[in-house]
Amino acid sequence: MNTKSQSAQYSLADQERISLCEILDRVLTKGVVVVGEVVISVADIDLIYLGLQLVLTSVENAKAMRAARASALMQEMDYAPC
């Protein structure tokens, strides 16, 4: 084996060793959005449609995103023609 393939194998092995705590920290810091759809149908007739959106983030990030969205909405309302 040459050193290039050995270093590639070594780096892959290092990337596999991420602890659950590190993953949770990254998810809460960056945030995750999960989107899904469920359709319940009988005899090819759709009876129920569920659209699901789940946001997983820390409370601090959620408050910051909400404040940013509110300020953007206020700016949009200020510049909107009446």
PDB file of N, CA and C in Angstrom:
ATOM      1  N   MET A   1       0.838  -1.203   0.000  1.00  0.00           N
ATOM      2  CA  MET A   1       0.000   0.000   0.000  1.00  0.00           C
ATOM      3  C   MET A   1       0.867   1.245   0.000  1.00  0.00           C
ATOM      4  N   ASN A   2       0.470   2.208  -0.735  1.00  0.00           N
ATOM      5  CA  ASN A   2       1.210   3.456  -0.697  1.00  0.00           C
ATOM      6  C   ASN A   2       0.698   4.330   0.436  1.00  0.00           C
ATOM      7  N   THR A   3       1.421   5.381   0.728  1.00  0.00           N
ATOM      8  CA  THR A   3       1.066   6.227   1.873  1.00  0.00           C
ATOM      9  C   THR A   3      -0.219   7.000   1.615  1.00  0.00           C
ATOM     10  N   LYS A   4      -0.524   7.270   0.370  1.00  0.00           N
ATOM     11  CA  LYS A   4      -1.737   8.012   0.051  1.00  0.00           C
ATOM     12  C   LYS A   4      -2.992   7.208   0.416  1.00  0.00           C
ATOM     13  N   SER A   5      -3.013   5.925   0.066  1.00  0.00           N
ATOM     14  CA  SER A   5      -4.181   5.109   0.402  1.00  0.00           C
ATOM     15  C   SER A   5      -4.246   4.829   1.894  1.00  0.00           C
ATOM     16  N   GLN A   6      -3.088   4.722   2.546  1.00  0.00           N
ATOM     17  CA  GLN A   6      -3.085   4.513   3.995  1.00  0.00           C
ATOM     18  C   GLN A   6      -3.635   5.731   4.718  1.00  0.00           C
ATOM     19  N   SER A   7      -3.261   6.921   4.269  1.00  0.00           N
ATOM     20  CA  SER A   7      -3.764   8.135   4.920  1.00  0.00           C
ATOM     21  C   SER A   7      -5.264   8.293   4.675  1.00  0.00           C
ATOM     22  N   ALA A   8      -5.744   7.880   3.494  1.00  0.00           N
ATOM     23  CA  ALA A   8      -7.174   7.951   3.208  1.00  0.00           C
ATOM     24  C   ALA A   8      -7.948   6.999   4.098  1.00  0.00           C
ATOM     25  N   GLN A   9      -7.417   5.801   4.315  1.00  0.00           N
ATOM     26  CA  GLN A   9      -8.076   4.843   5.202  1.00  0.00           C
ATOM     27  C   GLN A   9      -8.053   5.336   6.636  1.00  0.00           C
ATOM     28  N   TYR A  10      -6.967   5.959   7.038  1.00  0.00           N
ATOM     29  CA  TYR A  10      -6.867   6.467   8.404  1.00  0.00           C
ATOM     30  C   TYR A  10      -7.874   7.587   8.632  1.00  0.00           C
ATOM     31  N   SER A  11      -8.031   8.480   7.668  1.00  0.00           N
ATOM     32  CA  SER A  11      -8.972   9.592   7.844  1.00  0.00           C
ATOM     33  C   SER A  11     -10.418   9.090   7.853  1.00  0.00           C
ATOM     34  N   LEU A  12     -10.724   8.048   7.070  1.00  0.00           N
ATOM     35  CA  LEU A  12     -12.080   7.501   7.093  1.00  0.00           C
ATOM     36  C   LEU A  12     -12.378   6.874   8.446  1.00  0.00           C
ATOM     37  N   ALA A  13     -11.401   6.195   9.027  1.00  0.00           N
ATOM     38  CA  ALA A  13     -11.604   5.582  10.331  1.00  0.00           C
ATOM     39  C   ALA A  13     -11.813   6.659  11.398  1.00  0.00           C
ATOM     40  N   ASP A  14     -11.123   7.775  11.274  1.00  0.00           N
ATOM     41  CA  ASP A  14     -11.305   8.865  12.234  1.00  0.00           C
ATOM     42  C   ASP A  14     -12.684   9.484  12.119  1.00  0.00           C
ATOM     43  N   GLN A  15     -13.212   9.605  10.913  1.00  0.00           N
ATOM     44  CA  GLN A  15     -14.518  10.215  10.724  1.00  0.00           C
ATOM     45  C   GLN A  15     -15.630   9.334  11.274  1.00  0.00           C
ATOM     46  N   GLU A  16     -15.422   8.038  11.357  1.00  0.00           N
ATOM     47  CA  GLU A  16     -16.440   7.141  11.876  1.00  0.00           C
ATOM     48  C   GLU A  16     -16.583   7.241  13.388  1.00  0.00           C
ATOM     49  N   ARG A  17     -15.604   7.777  14.044  1.00  0.00           N
ATOM     50  CA  ARG A  17     -15.600   7.826  15.514  1.00  0.00           C
ATOM     51  C   ARG A  17     -16.077   9.174  16.027  1.00  0.00           C
ATOM     52  N   ILE A  18     -17.303   9.482  15.771  1.00  0.00           N
ATOM     53  CA  ILE A  18     -17.926  10.702  16.288  1.00  0.00           C
ATOM     54  C   ILE A  18     -18.890  10.278  17.383  1.00  0.00           C
ATOM     55  N   SER A  19     -18.765  10.906  18.533  1.00  0.00           N
ATOM     56  CA  SER A  19     -19.610  10.507  19.658  1.00  0.00           C
ATOM     57  C   SER A  19     -21.026  11.068  19.509  1.00  0.00           C
ATOM     58  N   LEU A  20     -21.941  10.462  20.214  1.00  0.00           N
ATOM     59  CA  LEU A  20     -23.330  10.912  20.189  1.00  0.00           C
ATOM     60  C   LEU A  20     -23.443  12.339  20.712  1.00  0.00           C
ATOM     61  N   CYS A  21     -22.628  12.676  21.682  1.00  0.00           N
ATOM     62  CA  CYS A  21     -22.637  14.034  22.241  1.00  0.00           C
ATOM     63  C   CYS A  21     -22.234  15.059  21.183  1.00  0.00           C
ATOM     64  N   GLU A  22     -21.240  14.743  20.362  1.00  0.00           N
ATOM     65  CA  GLU A  22     -20.817  15.651  19.304  1.00  0.00           C
ATOM     66  C   GLU A  22     -21.899  15.818  18.249  1.00  0.00           C
ATOM     67  N   ILE A  23     -22.558  14.731  17.905  1.00  0.00           N
ATOM     68  CA  ILE A  23     -23.637  14.800  16.916  1.00  0.00           C
ATOM     69  C   ILE A  23     -24.781  15.659  17.438  1.00  0.00           C
ATOM     70  N   LEU A  24     -25.170  15.438  18.680  1.00  0.00           N
ATOM     71  CA  LEU A  24     -26.246  16.225  19.277  1.00  0.00           C
ATOM     72  C   LEU A  24     -25.876  17.696  19.351  1.00  0.00           C
ATOM     73  N   ASP A  25     -24.629  17.984  19.679  1.00  0.00           N
ATOM     74  CA  ASP A  25     -24.177  19.369  19.735  1.00  0.00           C
ATOM     75  C   ASP A  25     -24.267  20.025  18.365  1.00  0.00           C
ATOM     76  N   ARG A  26     -23.854  19.321  17.323  1.00  0.00           N
ATOM     77  CA  ARG A  26     -23.924  19.867  15.967  1.00  0.00           C
ATOM     78  C   ARG A  26     -25.367  20.078  15.526  1.00  0.00           C
ATOM     79  N   VAL A  27     -26.240  19.137  15.850  1.00  0.00           N
ATOM     80  CA  VAL A  27     -27.649  19.267  15.462  1.00  0.00           C
ATOM     81  C   VAL A  27     -28.287  20.460  16.150  1.00  0.00           C
ATOM     82  N   LEU A  28     -28.032  20.617  17.445  1.00  0.00           N
ATOM     83  CA  LEU A  28     -28.641  21.721  18.179  1.00  0.00           C
ATOM     84  C   LEU A  28     -28.041  23.065  17.786  1.00  0.00           C
ATOM     85  N   THR A  29     -26.772  23.077  17.410  1.00  0.00           N
ATOM     86  CA  THR A  29     -26.126  24.325  17.000  1.00  0.00           C
ATOM     87  C   THR A  29     -26.612  24.762  15.628  1.00  0.00           C
ATOM     88  N   LYS A  30     -26.620  23.846  14.680  1.00  0.00           N
ATOM     89  CA  LYS A  30     -26.998  24.182  13.304  1.00  0.00           C
ATOM     90  C   LYS A  30     -28.499  24.109  13.082  1.00  0.00           C
ATOM     91  N   GLY A  31     -29.159  23.120  13.683  1.00  0.00           N
ATOM     92  CA  GLY A  31     -30.580  22.916  13.468  1.00  0.00           C
ATOM     93  C   GLY A  31     -30.833  21.910  12.358  1.00  0.00           C
ATOM     94  N   VAL A  32     -31.951  21.232  12.455  1.00  0.00           N
ATOM     95  CA  VAL A  32     -32.336  20.230  11.473  1.00  0.00           C
ATOM     96  C   VAL A  32     -33.815  20.420  11.166  1.00  0.00           C
ATOM     97  N   VAL A  33     -34.174  20.299   9.893  1.00  0.00           N
ATOM     98  CA  VAL A  33     -35.565  20.355   9.480  1.00  0.00           C
ATOM     99  C   VAL A  33     -35.910  19.023   8.827  1.00  0.00           C
ATOM    100  N   VAL A  34     -36.968  18.397   9.317  1.00  0.00           N
ATOM    101  CA  VAL A  34     -37.449  17.139   8.755  1.00  0.00           C
ATOM    102  C   VAL A  34     -38.820  17.399   8.156  1.00  0.00           C
ATOM    103  N   VAL A  35     -38.984  17.060   6.889  1.00  0.00           N
ATOM    104  CA  VAL A  35     -40.238  17.289   6.186  1.00  0.00           C
ATOM    105  C   VAL A  35     -40.747  15.945   5.682  1.00  0.00           C
ATOM    106  N   GLY A  36     -42.044  15.709   5.860  1.00  0.00           N
ATOM    107  CA  GLY A  36     -42.609  14.457   5.392  1.00  0.00           C
ATOM    108  C   GLY A  36     -44.069  14.610   5.012  1.00  0.00           C
ATOM    109  N   GLU A  37     -44.546  13.652   4.266  1.00  0.00           N
ATOM    110  CA  GLU A  37     -45.945  13.630   3.852  1.00  0.00           C
ATOM    111  C   GLU A  37     -46.494  12.231   4.053  1.00  0.00           C
ATOM    112  N   VAL A  38     -47.730  12.164   4.525  1.00  0.00           N
ATOM    113  CA  VAL A  38     -48.412  10.889   4.690  1.00  0.00           C
ATOM    114  C   VAL A  38     -49.782  11.021   4.037  1.00  0.00           C
ATOM    115  N   VAL A  39     -50.107  10.072   3.184  1.00  0.00           N
ATOM    116  CA  VAL A  39     -51.417  10.046   2.537  1.00  0.00           C
ATOM    117  C   VAL A  39     -52.061   8.708   2.850  1.00  0.00           C
ATOM    118  N   ILE A  40     -53.249   8.762   3.427  1.00  0.00           N
ATOM    119  CA  ILE A  40     -54.015   7.546   3.705  1.00  0.00           C
ATOM    120  C   ILE A  40     -55.120   7.468   2.671  1.00  0.00           C
ATOM    121  N   SER A  41     -55.121   6.375   1.931  1.00  0.00           N
ATOM    122  CA  SER A  41     -56.126   6.227   0.876  1.00  0.00           C
ATOM    123  C   SER A  41     -56.706   4.822   0.905  1.00  0.00           C
ATOM    124  N   VAL A  42     -57.944   4.732   0.437  1.00  0.00           N
ATOM    125  CA  VAL A  42     -58.648   3.458   0.319  1.00  0.00           C
ATOM    126  C   VAL A  42     -59.181   3.378  -1.105  1.00  0.00           C
ATOM    127  N   ALA A  43     -58.894   2.289  -1.777  1.00  0.00           N
ATOM    128  CA  ALA A  43     -59.355   2.065  -3.154  1.00  0.00           C
ATOM    129  C   ALA A  43     -58.942   3.224  -4.062  1.00  0.00           C
ATOM    130  N   ASP A  44     -57.700   3.657  -3.931  1.00  0.00           N
ATOM    131  CA  ASP A  44     -57.136   4.758  -4.726  1.00  0.00           C
ATOM    132  C   ASP A  44     -57.868   6.079  -4.544  1.00  0.00           C
ATOM    133  N   ILE A  45     -58.538   6.253  -3.423  1.00  0.00           N
ATOM    134  CA  ILE A  45     -59.177   7.527  -3.090  1.00  0.00           C
ATOM    135  C   ILE A  45     -58.477   8.073  -1.860  1.00  0.00           C
ATOM    136  N   ASP A  46     -57.855   9.243  -1.994  1.00  0.00           N
ATOM    137  CA  ASP A  46     -57.145   9.855  -0.876  1.00  0.00           C
ATOM    138  C   ASP A  46     -58.148  10.349   0.157  1.00  0.00           C
ATOM    139  N   LEU A  47     -57.997   9.855   1.377  1.00  0.00           N
ATOM    140  CA  LEU A  47     -58.899  10.265   2.453  1.00  0.00           C
ATOM    141  C   LEU A  47     -58.261  11.293   3.372  1.00  0.00           C
ATOM    142  N   ILE A  48     -57.015  11.080   3.720  1.00  0.00           N
ATOM    143  CA  ILE A  48     -56.332  11.968   4.661  1.00  0.00           C
ATOM    144  C   ILE A  48     -54.946  12.296   4.122  1.00  0.00           C
ATOM    145  N   TYR A  49     -54.588  13.569   4.166  1.00  0.00           N
ATOM    146  CA  TYR A  49     -53.261  14.019   3.780  1.00  0.00           C
ATOM    147  C   TYR A  49     -52.656  14.747   4.979  1.00  0.00           C
ATOM    148  N   LEU A  50     -51.472  14.350   5.386  1.00  0.00           N
ATOM    149  CA  LEU A  50     -50.756  15.013   6.471  1.00  0.00           C
ATOM    150  C   LEU A  50     -49.444  15.554   5.929  1.00  0.00           C
ATOM    151  N   GLY A  51     -49.243  16.832   6.072  1.00  0.00           N
ATOM    152  CA  GLY A  51     -47.958  17.454   5.747  1.00  0.00           C
ATOM    153  C   GLY A  51     -47.256  17.759   7.057  1.00  0.00           C
ATOM    154  N   LEU A  52     -46.072  17.214   7.228  1.00  0.00           N
ATOM    155  CA  LEU A  52     -45.360  17.337   8.493  1.00  0.00           C
ATOM    156  C   LEU A  52     -44.073  18.119   8.312  1.00  0.00           C
ATOM    157  N   GLN A  53     -43.797  19.037   9.236  1.00  0.00           N
ATOM    158  CA  GLN A  53     -42.530  19.761   9.266  1.00  0.00           C
ATOM    159  C   GLN A  53     -42.066  19.807  10.715  1.00  0.00           C
ATOM    160  N   LEU A  54     -40.872  19.301  10.953  1.00  0.00           N
ATOM    161  CA  LEU A  54     -40.308  19.253  12.293  1.00  0.00           C
ATOM    162  C   LEU A  54     -38.999  20.015  12.289  1.00  0.00           C
ATOM    163  N   VAL A  55     -38.862  20.964  13.189  1.00  0.00           N
ATOM    164  CA  VAL A  55     -37.623  21.725  13.328  1.00  0.00           C
ATOM    165  C   VAL A  55     -37.000  21.353  14.662  1.00  0.00           C
ATOM    166  N   LEU A  56     -35.752  20.894  14.612  1.00  0.00           N
ATOM    167  CA  LEU A  56     -35.030  20.517  15.816  1.00  0.00           C
ATOM    168  C   LEU A  56     -33.819  21.419  15.944  1.00  0.00           C
ATOM    169  N   THR A  57     -33.829  22.263  16.974  1.00  0.00           N
ATOM    170  CA  THR A  57     -32.728  23.187  17.220  1.00  0.00           C
ATOM    171  C   THR A  57     -32.755  23.590  18.688  1.00  0.00           C
ATOM    172  N   SER A  58     -31.783  24.352  19.113  1.00  0.00           N
ATOM    173  CA  SER A  58     -31.768  24.813  20.500  1.00  0.00           C
ATOM    174  C   SER A  58     -32.747  25.975  20.667  1.00  0.00           C
ATOM    175  N   VAL A  59     -33.143  26.247  21.891  1.00  0.00           N
ATOM    176  CA  VAL A  59     -34.080  27.339  22.169  1.00  0.00           C
ATOM    177  C   VAL A  59     -33.452  28.680  21.789  1.00  0.00           C
ATOM    178  N   GLU A  60     -32.164  28.837  22.058  1.00  0.00           N
ATOM    179  CA  GLU A  60     -31.482  30.089  21.718  1.00  0.00           C
ATOM    180  C   GLU A  60     -31.508  30.334  20.214  1.00  0.00           C
ATOM    181  N   ASN A  61     -31.221  29.305  19.434  1.00  0.00           N
ATOM    182  CA  ASN A  61     -31.250  29.462  17.977  1.00  0.00           C
ATOM    183  C   ASN A  61     -32.659  29.722  17.473  1.00  0.00           C
ATOM    184  N   ALA A  62     -33.657  29.071  18.065  1.00  0.00           N
ATOM    185  CA  ALA A  62     -35.044  29.287  17.652  1.00  0.00           C
ATOM    186  C   ALA A  62     -35.460  30.732  17.911  1.00  0.00           C
ATOM    187  N   LYS A  63     -35.079  31.278  19.062  1.00  0.00           N
ATOM    188  CA  LYS A  63     -35.401  32.673  19.366  1.00  0.00           C
ATOM    189  C   LYS A  63     -34.700  33.615  18.401  1.00  0.00           C
ATOM    190  N   ALA A  64     -33.446  33.330  18.072  1.00  0.00           N
ATOM    191  CA  ALA A  64     -32.698  34.178  17.140  1.00  0.00           C
ATOM    192  C   ALA A  64     -33.323  34.126  15.747  1.00  0.00           C
ATOM    193  N   MET A  65     -33.728  32.930  15.301  1.00  0.00           N
ATOM    194  CA  MET A  65     -34.369  32.806  13.987  1.00  0.00           C
ATOM    195  C   MET A  65     -35.700  33.543  13.964  1.00  0.00           C
ATOM    196  N   ARG A  66     -36.451  33.459  15.065  1.00  0.00           N
ATOM    197  CA  ARG A  66     -37.744  34.142  15.127  1.00  0.00           C
ATOM    198  C   ARG A  66     -37.556  35.654  15.085  1.00  0.00           C
ATOM    199  N   ALA A  67     -36.553  36.162  15.821  1.00  0.00           N
ATOM    200  CA  ALA A  67     -36.290  37.597  15.824  1.00  0.00           C
ATOM    201  C   ALA A  67     -35.840  38.068  14.446  1.00  0.00           C
ATOM    202  N   ALA A  68     -35.007  37.272  13.782  1.00  0.00           N
ATOM    203  CA  ALA A  68     -34.542  37.643  12.444  1.00  0.00           C
ATOM    204  C   ALA A  68     -35.705  37.656  11.455  1.00  0.00           C
ATOM    205  N   ARG A  69     -36.588  36.677  11.573  1.00  0.00           N
ATOM    206  CA  ARG A  69     -37.749  36.624  10.677  1.00  0.00           C
ATOM    207  C   ARG A  69     -38.671  37.812  10.934  1.00  0.00           C
ATOM    208  N   ALA A  70     -38.863  38.180  12.200  1.00  0.00           N
ATOM    209  CA  ALA A  70     -39.737  39.305  12.536  1.00  0.00           C
ATOM    210  C   ALA A  70     -39.162  40.612  12.009  1.00  0.00           C
ATOM    211  N   SER A  71     -37.844  40.808  12.148  1.00  0.00           N
ATOM    212  CA  SER A  71     -37.250  42.048  11.649  1.00  0.00           C
ATOM    213  C   SER A  71     -37.297  42.106  10.129  1.00  0.00           C
ATOM    214  N   ALA A  72     -37.112  40.971   9.465  1.00  0.00           N
ATOM    215  CA  ALA A  72     -37.207  40.943   8.002  1.00  0.00           C
ATOM    216  C   ALA A  72     -38.631  41.253   7.558  1.00  0.00           C
ATOM    217  N   LEU A  73     -39.611  40.753   8.281  1.00  0.00           N
ATOM    218  CA  LEU A  73     -41.009  41.025   7.941  1.00  0.00           C
ATOM    219  C   LEU A  73     -41.336  42.496   8.143  1.00  0.00           C
ATOM    220  N   MET A  74     -40.810  43.093   9.211  1.00  0.00           N
ATOM    221  CA  MET A  74     -41.062  44.509   9.461  1.00  0.00           C
ATOM    222  C   MET A  74     -40.419  45.372   8.369  1.00  0.00           C
ATOM    223  N   GLN A  75     -39.211  45.009   7.946  1.00  0.00           N
ATOM    224  CA  GLN A  75     -38.559  45.756   6.870  1.00  0.00           C
ATOM    225  C   GLN A  75     -39.339  45.617   5.572  1.00  0.00           C
ATOM    226  N   GLU A  76     -39.841  44.431   5.331  1.00  0.00           N
ATOM    227  CA  GLU A  76     -40.630  44.191   4.117  1.00  0.00           C
ATOM    228  C   GLU A  76     -41.901  45.030   4.149  1.00  0.00           C
ATOM    229  N   MET A  77     -42.529  45.144   5.304  1.00  0.00           N
ATOM    230  CA  MET A  77     -43.759  45.934   5.422  1.00  0.00           C
ATOM    231  C   MET A  77     -43.463  47.415   5.255  1.00  0.00           C
ATOM    232  N   ASP A  78     -42.291  47.878   5.719  1.00  0.00           N
ATOM    233  CA  ASP A  78     -41.931  49.291   5.583  1.00  0.00           C
ATOM    234  C   ASP A  78     -41.712  49.667   4.120  1.00  0.00           C
ATOM    235  N   TYR A  79     -41.163  48.760   3.326  1.00  0.00           N
ATOM    236  CA  TYR A  79     -40.858  49.051   1.931  1.00  0.00           C
ATOM    237  C   TYR A  79     -41.969  48.662   0.970  1.00  0.00           C
ATOM    238  N   ALA A  80     -42.988  48.004   1.465  1.00  0.00           N
ATOM    239  CA  ALA A  80     -44.071  47.571   0.584  1.00  0.00           C
ATOM    240  C   ALA A  80     -44.941  48.758   0.194  1.00  0.00           C
ATOM    241  N   PRO A  81     -45.269  48.888  -1.095  1.00  0.00           N
ATOM    242  CA  PRO A  81     -46.142  49.990  -1.502  1.00  0.00           C
ATOM    243  C   PRO A  81     -47.565  49.735  -1.047  1.00  0.00           C
ATOM    244  N   CYS A  82     -48.211  50.800  -0.632  1.00  0.00           N
ATOM    245  CA  CYS A  82     -49.593  50.686  -0.144  1.00  0.00           C
ATOM    246  C   CYS A  82     -50.588  50.993  -1.222  1.00  0.00           C
TER     247      CYS A  82
END
